[in-house]
Structures are given as C-alpha cells and as structure tokens.
Amino acid sequence: MWLYLIKRVVLAIAIIAIAVTLLFLMIRAVPGDPAAVLLGPRATPEMKALLHQQMGLDKPLLLQIASFFGGLLHGNLGYDVFSQRPVADIVFEQLPYTIELILISIFWAVVTAVPLGCYSAMRRNSLVDQVAGIVTVATIAIPSFVAAVYALLIFAVTLRWLPAIGAGNGFWDGLIHLILPGFAIGIGWVGYISRLVRASMLEILGENHIRMARSFGISEWRIVARYALPLAILPTVTILGVGIAWLLSSAVFIEVVFARPGVGALIVNAVNTRNYPIVMGIVLVTTFLIVAATTLSDLINAFLDPRTREKL
C-alpha cells in the first residue's frame, strides 16, 4: 500500500511538471506582447524593455522555465503583474468558490443519479426504466453552458425565483446562489452516473453471491444496498475522479455566465491580459487537484472492493 502511494506521488509530480512545462511553452507561443497589453499603446520601447526585464521575458526560454520551477520549490508562484501581489494569495482567494461549485454539482448529481440507476436496474425494461433512459441520455447531450444560459433565462430572468449573478453573502445566500450554477454543471453528470450505475448494477445482480443472498430470503432492497451497490458504484467513483478536469473546465464557462468569482473567471481574465504568472499559478493548482482527485478515487475503490487491494 505504501509503495503504491509513493509511486502515485512520484507520478503526480511528473504529471504536474509536464503539464506546467507544456502550458508554459503554449503561453509563450500566443501572439502578442504582454508588455504592450499592460502598458498600453503609448508605451515607449524603453518602458517595454524594462517590463520585459521585470517579468523575466528577456531571458532564454529554458532559463525562464528553470527560474519558474526554482521559485516553485521555494513556494513562490510569482507575482501578479498588475497588483504585484503574490500569485498564491490571488489564486487561493478564488479557489474556494470554484471548489464549492464543483462539490455542490457532484453532490446533487450523485444523490439524484445513483437511486435512479439502482431503480432502473431493479425494474429493467419497465416504463420507468425506459423513460429514465431517454431523460438521462438527453441530459448527457446538453452542454453545461447551454444549460446555464437557459436556466438563467427561465429561473432568474423570467420567473425570478433565483439570483442571476454573483456568489452571495453568508452561508444561506451563498447556497442559493449556487443552485443555478450547480444545476448547469451537474445536469450532464446525472445522465452519466445513472447509466453507469444501471449497467454495473445489472451485471452485479446476475452474479452468484447475489443469487445466494436471494435464496436466503433477504429483501431485494437490502441486497441492492448492502451487496450490489458497493461494487456497482466503483466505475462511478473512477469516472468522478477522472472527470474533475471536465468539471473544472465546465466551471470556467459557468463562472463567466453567472459572473461568479473563481479560478475560471480569473484565468479567462489572465489569458486576455497575458498575465503569465496568474495563468501558471492556476494551472499548477488545478493540475494538483486533478491528480489528487484521481488518486483519491483509486483509494476509495481499494476501500470498497478488497480485491483491488491485492493489486496495489
């Protein structure tokens, strides 16, 4: 188990290093001079040269990459070119808004999809199963930004039931402001998770230990909850761990549509203004979150299914 954890940590470090290096090169390939964007059209060549020196853009590319990773080893993600504040402070101020949005999206999707998938498997080919299949496939086909726009128009503009923009003030107000963005991100996952749970449940319900449990007269719901669901949920846990990247990318669009604070809106603004330190800081943090979520999903699988522990 410890050897497995060490391997995963080493792999995580390698993934983060490769991802940051690739993005570093991609950002430098974007047309446009960041000094011209920051200083405006009236900037003189001397002013641009001075800003290039301050940002380290006058150094060779390999030296810039080495300098960034050297600062990273000392806990320094750089400084915002506008405010001169530490990048880490700016990113971690916005990160909680994105994390709470992702968590609320996953929560309502799982709470809705898992019982739906279980019921569809227990009532296979029934009217409920067929209707659920149509609805869930339809939700998969809806992009999150389309769901966000229509939810905004219907529930915020037309019906005026829910707030349209912002993150709210306080716990309850913040929770209300999360309903529409969380719905927009989670609606597609309801379809994915319910279909996964249904397919896995149908496979598990046909195994020998389930037939043995039925022969002892155990109720069907207890069989599903105690013996089938812990195994049927494994593919869902894996998908959620891998899907954190998709959730983060969806959060970018959702935060822009609902004018919410978060790393999504922050990175859009940073890319538009060529604010390299902010972009690199966000990518580093989000890459770490993706790797951590994937590792956590593997550990949960090992906990739920003892057979996988032998492979660690």
Protein backbone atom coordinates (compact mmCIF):
# COMPACT_ATOMS: atom_id res chain seq x y z
CA MET A 1 0.00 0.00 0.00
CA TRP A 2 2.79 2.42 0.94
CA LEU A 3 4.72 1.51 -2.19
CA TYR A 4 1.62 2.27 -4.24
CA LEU A 5 1.24 5.67 -2.56
CA ILE A 6 4.90 6.52 -3.22
CA LYS A 7 4.51 5.59 -6.88
CA ARG A 8 1.41 7.75 -7.18
CA VAL A 9 3.15 10.74 -5.59
CA VAL A 10 6.11 10.43 -7.97
CA LEU A 11 3.74 10.09 -10.91
CA ALA A 12 1.76 13.13 -9.72
CA ILE A 13 4.92 15.25 -9.55
CA ALA A 14 5.89 14.15 -13.06
CA ILE A 15 2.42 14.94 -14.44
CA ILE A 16 2.39 18.39 -12.85
CA ALA A 17 5.88 19.16 -14.18
CA ILE A 18 4.99 18.09 -17.73
CA ALA A 19 1.65 19.93 -17.70
CA VAL A 20 3.18 23.17 -16.43
CA THR A 21 6.06 22.99 -18.93
CA LEU A 22 3.73 22.40 -21.87
CA LEU A 23 1.47 25.26 -20.87
CA PHE A 24 4.49 27.48 -20.32
CA LEU A 25 5.51 26.85 -23.93
CA MET A 26 1.95 27.31 -25.23
CA ILE A 27 1.52 30.65 -23.47
CA ARG A 28 4.80 31.93 -24.91
CA ALA A 29 3.57 30.91 -28.38
CA VAL A 30 0.43 33.08 -28.09
CA PRO A 31 0.76 36.12 -30.42
CA GLY A 32 1.07 39.49 -28.76
CA ASP A 33 3.45 41.26 -26.44
CA PRO A 34 2.34 41.21 -22.79
CA ALA A 35 4.25 44.42 -22.16
CA ALA A 36 2.23 46.18 -24.87
CA VAL A 37 -1.02 44.88 -23.34
CA LEU A 38 -0.05 46.01 -19.85
CA LEU A 39 1.44 49.40 -20.72
CA GLY A 40 -0.98 50.41 -23.46
CA PRO A 41 -0.41 51.89 -26.93
CA ARG A 42 1.61 54.85 -25.67
CA ALA A 43 4.36 52.73 -24.14
CA THR A 44 7.87 53.51 -25.29
CA PRO A 45 10.41 50.81 -26.25
CA GLU A 46 12.37 51.61 -23.10
CA MET A 47 9.29 51.03 -20.92
CA LYS A 48 8.58 47.73 -22.68
CA ALA A 49 12.19 46.61 -22.25
CA LEU A 50 12.07 47.43 -18.53
CA LEU A 51 8.84 45.45 -18.06
CA HIS A 52 10.30 42.52 -20.01
CA GLN A 53 13.21 42.54 -17.60
CA GLN A 54 10.92 42.67 -14.56
CA MET A 55 8.83 39.76 -15.87
CA GLY A 56 11.90 37.78 -16.89
CA LEU A 57 10.85 37.73 -20.54
CA ASP A 58 14.28 38.94 -21.67
CA LYS A 59 15.85 35.61 -20.62
CA PRO A 60 16.07 32.47 -22.80
CA LEU A 61 13.01 30.25 -22.67
CA LEU A 62 14.75 27.35 -20.90
CA LEU A 63 16.07 29.75 -18.28
CA GLN A 64 12.55 31.14 -17.76
CA ILE A 65 11.22 27.61 -17.16
CA ALA A 66 14.08 26.79 -14.79
CA SER A 67 13.52 30.05 -12.91
CA PHE A 68 9.80 29.27 -12.52
CA PHE A 69 10.42 25.77 -11.13
CA GLY A 70 13.17 27.14 -8.89
CA GLY A 71 10.71 29.59 -7.38
CA LEU A 72 8.15 26.81 -7.09
CA LEU A 73 10.50 24.76 -4.92
CA HIS A 74 10.62 27.70 -2.51
CA GLY A 75 6.82 28.09 -2.51
CA ASN A 76 6.88 31.12 -4.78
CA LEU A 77 4.40 31.13 -7.66
CA GLY A 78 5.41 34.59 -8.77
CA TYR A 79 3.71 37.97 -8.56
CA ASP A 80 0.73 39.46 -10.35
CA VAL A 81 2.00 41.89 -12.99
CA PHE A 82 -0.78 44.38 -12.19
CA SER A 83 -1.06 44.47 -8.41
CA GLN A 84 2.34 42.93 -7.57
CA ARG A 85 0.56 40.67 -5.08
CA PRO A 86 1.74 37.06 -4.67
CA VAL A 87 0.05 34.78 -7.18
CA ALA A 88 -0.62 32.18 -4.48
CA ASP A 89 -2.69 34.68 -2.47
CA ILE A 90 -4.79 35.63 -5.50
CA VAL A 91 -5.40 32.04 -6.63
CA PHE A 92 -6.27 30.71 -3.18
CA GLU A 93 -8.69 33.59 -2.64
CA GLN A 94 -10.68 32.47 -5.69
CA LEU A 95 -10.21 28.70 -5.42
CA PRO A 96 -12.82 28.08 -2.65
CA TYR A 97 -15.59 29.50 -4.88
CA THR A 98 -14.73 27.02 -7.64
CA ILE A 99 -14.37 24.07 -5.26
CA GLU A 100 -17.75 24.70 -3.63
CA LEU A 101 -19.36 24.96 -7.06
CA ILE A 102 -17.87 21.62 -8.13
CA LEU A 103 -18.78 19.90 -4.86
CA ILE A 104 -22.42 21.04 -4.95
CA SER A 105 -22.66 19.93 -8.60
CA ILE A 106 -21.29 16.47 -7.82
CA PHE A 107 -23.43 16.13 -4.70
CA TRP A 108 -26.80 16.75 -6.31
CA ALA A 109 -25.85 14.71 -9.39
CA VAL A 110 -24.83 11.68 -7.31
CA VAL A 111 -27.80 11.93 -4.94
CA THR A 112 -30.15 12.01 -7.95
CA ALA A 113 -28.40 9.59 -10.29
CA VAL A 114 -27.45 6.69 -8.00
CA PRO A 115 -31.01 5.91 -6.77
CA LEU A 116 -32.29 6.40 -10.34
CA GLY A 117 -29.71 3.96 -11.71
CA CYS A 118 -30.46 1.40 -9.00
CA TYR A 119 -34.21 1.60 -9.52
CA SER A 120 -33.84 1.31 -13.29
CA ALA A 121 -31.72 -1.82 -12.87
CA MET A 122 -34.23 -3.38 -10.46
CA ARG A 123 -37.13 -2.57 -12.84
CA ARG A 124 -35.34 -3.41 -16.05
CA ASN A 125 -37.29 -2.70 -19.28
CA SER A 126 -40.19 -1.24 -17.32
CA LEU A 127 -41.82 2.05 -18.28
CA VAL A 128 -39.82 3.86 -15.58
CA ASP A 129 -36.59 2.37 -16.92
CA GLN A 130 -37.37 3.41 -20.48
CA VAL A 131 -38.36 6.96 -19.54
CA ALA A 132 -35.30 7.29 -17.31
CA GLY A 133 -33.11 6.09 -20.18
CA ILE A 134 -34.49 8.73 -22.53
CA VAL A 135 -34.18 11.53 -19.98
CA THR A 136 -30.66 10.61 -18.87
CA VAL A 137 -29.33 10.33 -22.42
CA ALA A 138 -30.90 13.72 -23.17
CA THR A 139 -29.14 15.29 -20.16
CA ILE A 140 -25.79 13.90 -21.36
CA ALA A 141 -26.29 15.65 -24.70
CA ILE A 142 -26.85 19.09 -23.10
CA PRO A 143 -23.63 21.14 -22.82
CA SER A 144 -23.19 22.80 -19.45
CA PHE A 145 -23.01 26.32 -20.89
CA VAL A 146 -26.30 25.78 -22.77
CA ALA A 147 -27.96 24.54 -19.57
CA ALA A 148 -26.54 27.57 -17.77
CA VAL A 149 -27.97 30.06 -20.26
CA TYR A 150 -31.45 28.51 -20.29
CA ALA A 151 -31.52 28.09 -16.50
CA LEU A 152 -30.56 31.74 -16.19
CA LEU A 153 -33.27 32.87 -18.60
CA ILE A 154 -36.02 30.71 -17.10
CA PHE A 155 -35.44 30.73 -13.34
CA ALA A 156 -33.67 34.08 -12.89
CA VAL A 157 -34.99 36.36 -15.64
CA THR A 158 -38.50 35.06 -16.38
CA LEU A 159 -39.65 33.50 -13.09
CA ARG A 160 -37.30 35.48 -10.83
CA TRP A 161 -37.09 32.60 -8.39
CA LEU A 162 -33.31 32.55 -8.06
CA PRO A 163 -30.49 35.11 -8.25
CA ALA A 164 -28.74 35.50 -11.58
CA ILE A 165 -25.20 36.61 -10.79
CA GLY A 166 -22.67 36.74 -8.00
CA ALA A 167 -21.77 34.41 -5.14
CA GLY A 168 -23.99 35.86 -2.39
CA ASN A 169 -23.19 36.96 1.14
CA GLY A 170 -23.27 34.49 4.02
CA PHE A 171 -23.92 30.77 4.08
CA TRP A 172 -27.60 30.59 3.05
CA ASP A 173 -27.38 33.34 0.47
CA GLY A 174 -24.27 31.70 -0.99
CA LEU A 175 -26.07 28.36 -1.12
CA ILE A 176 -28.99 29.92 -3.02
CA HIS A 177 -26.56 31.48 -5.49
CA LEU A 178 -25.07 28.02 -6.09
CA ILE A 179 -28.35 26.41 -7.21
CA LEU A 180 -28.37 27.53 -10.85
CA PRO A 181 -24.61 27.15 -11.50
CA GLY A 182 -24.57 23.78 -9.73
CA PHE A 183 -27.58 22.64 -11.74
CA ALA A 184 -25.90 23.65 -15.01
CA ILE A 185 -22.73 21.67 -14.29
CA GLY A 186 -24.39 18.65 -12.65
CA ILE A 187 -27.20 18.04 -15.15
CA GLY A 188 -24.94 16.17 -17.56
CA TRP A 189 -23.46 14.05 -14.78
CA VAL A 190 -26.90 12.82 -13.77
CA GLY A 191 -27.09 11.01 -17.09
CA TYR A 192 -23.55 9.65 -16.97
CA ILE A 193 -23.75 8.37 -13.42
CA SER A 194 -27.22 6.86 -13.67
CA ARG A 195 -26.33 4.92 -16.83
CA LEU A 196 -23.08 3.70 -15.27
CA VAL A 197 -24.82 2.61 -12.08
CA ARG A 198 -27.58 0.86 -14.04
CA ALA A 199 -25.13 -1.05 -16.25
CA SER A 200 -22.92 -2.05 -13.31
CA MET A 201 -25.92 -2.99 -11.18
CA LEU A 202 -27.34 -5.28 -13.88
CA GLU A 203 -24.00 -7.07 -14.07
CA ILE A 204 -23.65 -7.41 -10.30
CA LEU A 205 -27.25 -8.58 -9.76
CA GLY A 206 -26.56 -11.58 -12.01
CA GLU A 207 -23.58 -12.85 -10.00
CA ASN A 208 -23.61 -15.93 -7.81
CA HIS A 209 -23.32 -14.21 -4.43
CA ILE A 210 -26.45 -12.16 -5.22
CA ARG A 211 -28.37 -15.34 -6.11
CA MET A 212 -27.17 -16.85 -2.84
CA ALA A 213 -28.43 -13.83 -0.89
CA ARG A 214 -31.84 -14.13 -2.58
CA SER A 215 -32.01 -17.82 -1.68
CA PHE A 216 -31.70 -16.87 2.00
CA GLY A 217 -34.80 -14.69 1.67
CA ILE A 218 -33.04 -11.33 2.03
CA SER A 219 -35.13 -8.46 0.70
CA GLU A 220 -34.24 -7.07 -2.72
CA TRP A 221 -33.59 -3.54 -1.45
CA ARG A 222 -31.21 -4.85 1.23
CA ILE A 223 -29.38 -6.94 -1.36
CA VAL A 224 -29.00 -3.90 -3.58
CA ALA A 225 -27.89 -1.55 -0.79
CA ARG A 226 -25.53 -3.91 1.03
CA TYR A 227 -24.15 -6.33 -1.52
CA ALA A 228 -24.63 -4.89 -5.02
CA LEU A 229 -24.26 -1.11 -4.73
CA PRO A 230 -20.77 -1.04 -3.11
CA LEU A 231 -19.47 -2.92 -6.16
CA ALA A 232 -21.67 -1.21 -8.75
CA ILE A 233 -20.56 2.23 -7.58
CA LEU A 234 -16.86 1.55 -8.34
CA PRO A 235 -16.96 2.71 -12.00
CA THR A 236 -18.75 5.88 -10.89
CA VAL A 237 -16.05 6.67 -8.33
CA THR A 238 -13.40 6.21 -11.02
CA ILE A 239 -15.26 8.41 -13.50
CA LEU A 240 -15.71 11.16 -10.91
CA GLY A 241 -12.01 11.09 -10.10
CA VAL A 242 -11.01 11.38 -13.74
CA GLY A 243 -13.87 13.80 -14.51
CA ILE A 244 -12.61 16.50 -12.16
CA ALA A 245 -10.79 18.00 -15.17
CA TRP A 246 -14.08 18.17 -17.09
CA LEU A 247 -15.77 19.74 -14.08
CA LEU A 248 -13.06 22.39 -13.79
CA SER A 249 -13.34 23.24 -17.48
CA SER A 250 -17.12 23.50 -17.14
CA ALA A 251 -16.68 25.80 -14.17
CA VAL A 252 -14.80 28.26 -16.41
CA PHE A 253 -17.88 28.80 -18.60
CA ILE A 254 -20.33 28.72 -15.71
CA GLU A 255 -18.45 31.31 -13.67
CA VAL A 256 -18.37 33.62 -16.68
CA VAL A 257 -22.09 33.16 -17.42
CA PHE A 258 -23.16 33.76 -13.82
CA ALA A 259 -20.46 36.39 -13.12
CA ARG A 260 -19.20 34.32 -10.19
CA PRO A 261 -15.77 34.67 -8.63
CA GLY A 262 -13.47 31.68 -9.02
CA VAL A 263 -10.41 30.40 -10.83
CA GLY A 264 -12.38 30.05 -14.06
CA ALA A 265 -13.15 33.74 -14.36
CA LEU A 266 -9.67 34.53 -13.06
CA ILE A 267 -7.87 32.51 -15.74
CA VAL A 268 -10.01 33.97 -18.54
CA ASN A 269 -9.04 37.47 -17.47
CA ALA A 270 -5.39 36.44 -17.04
CA VAL A 271 -5.18 34.95 -20.54
CA ASN A 272 -6.78 38.04 -22.10
CA THR A 273 -4.26 40.33 -20.39
CA ARG A 274 -1.26 37.99 -20.90
CA ASN A 275 -0.83 37.79 -17.14
CA TYR A 276 1.54 34.81 -17.27
CA PRO A 277 2.17 34.34 -13.53
CA ILE A 278 -1.57 34.08 -12.78
CA VAL A 279 -2.13 31.58 -15.60
CA MET A 280 0.78 29.40 -14.47
CA GLY A 281 -0.37 29.53 -10.85
CA ILE A 282 -3.91 28.46 -11.73
CA VAL A 283 -2.73 25.63 -13.97
CA LEU A 284 -0.40 24.36 -11.27
CA VAL A 285 -3.14 24.35 -8.62
CA THR A 286 -5.80 22.80 -10.86
CA THR A 287 -3.39 20.12 -12.09
CA PHE A 288 -2.66 19.23 -8.48
CA LEU A 289 -6.42 19.00 -7.79
CA ILE A 290 -6.93 16.69 -10.77
CA VAL A 291 -4.09 14.38 -9.75
CA ALA A 292 -5.26 14.37 -6.12
CA ALA A 293 -8.84 13.56 -7.14
CA THR A 294 -7.68 10.67 -9.35
CA THR A 295 -5.54 9.25 -6.55
CA LEU A 296 -8.38 9.60 -4.05
CA SER A 297 -10.78 7.74 -6.36
CA ASP A 298 -8.29 4.86 -6.62
CA LEU A 299 -8.00 4.67 -2.83
CA ILE A 300 -11.80 4.70 -2.44
CA ASN A 301 -12.05 1.86 -4.96
CA ALA A 302 -9.50 -0.10 -2.93
CA PHE A 303 -11.53 0.50 0.22
CA LEU A 304 -14.86 -0.51 -1.34
CA ASP A 305 -13.53 -3.55 -3.18
CA PRO A 306 -11.00 -5.60 -1.16
CA ARG A 307 -9.98 -7.49 -4.32
CA THR A 308 -8.30 -4.38 -5.72
CA ARG A 309 -6.07 -4.02 -2.66
CA GLU A 310 -4.03 -7.03 -3.79
CA LYS A 311 -3.11 -5.13 -6.96
CA LEU A 312 -1.74 -2.09 -5.10
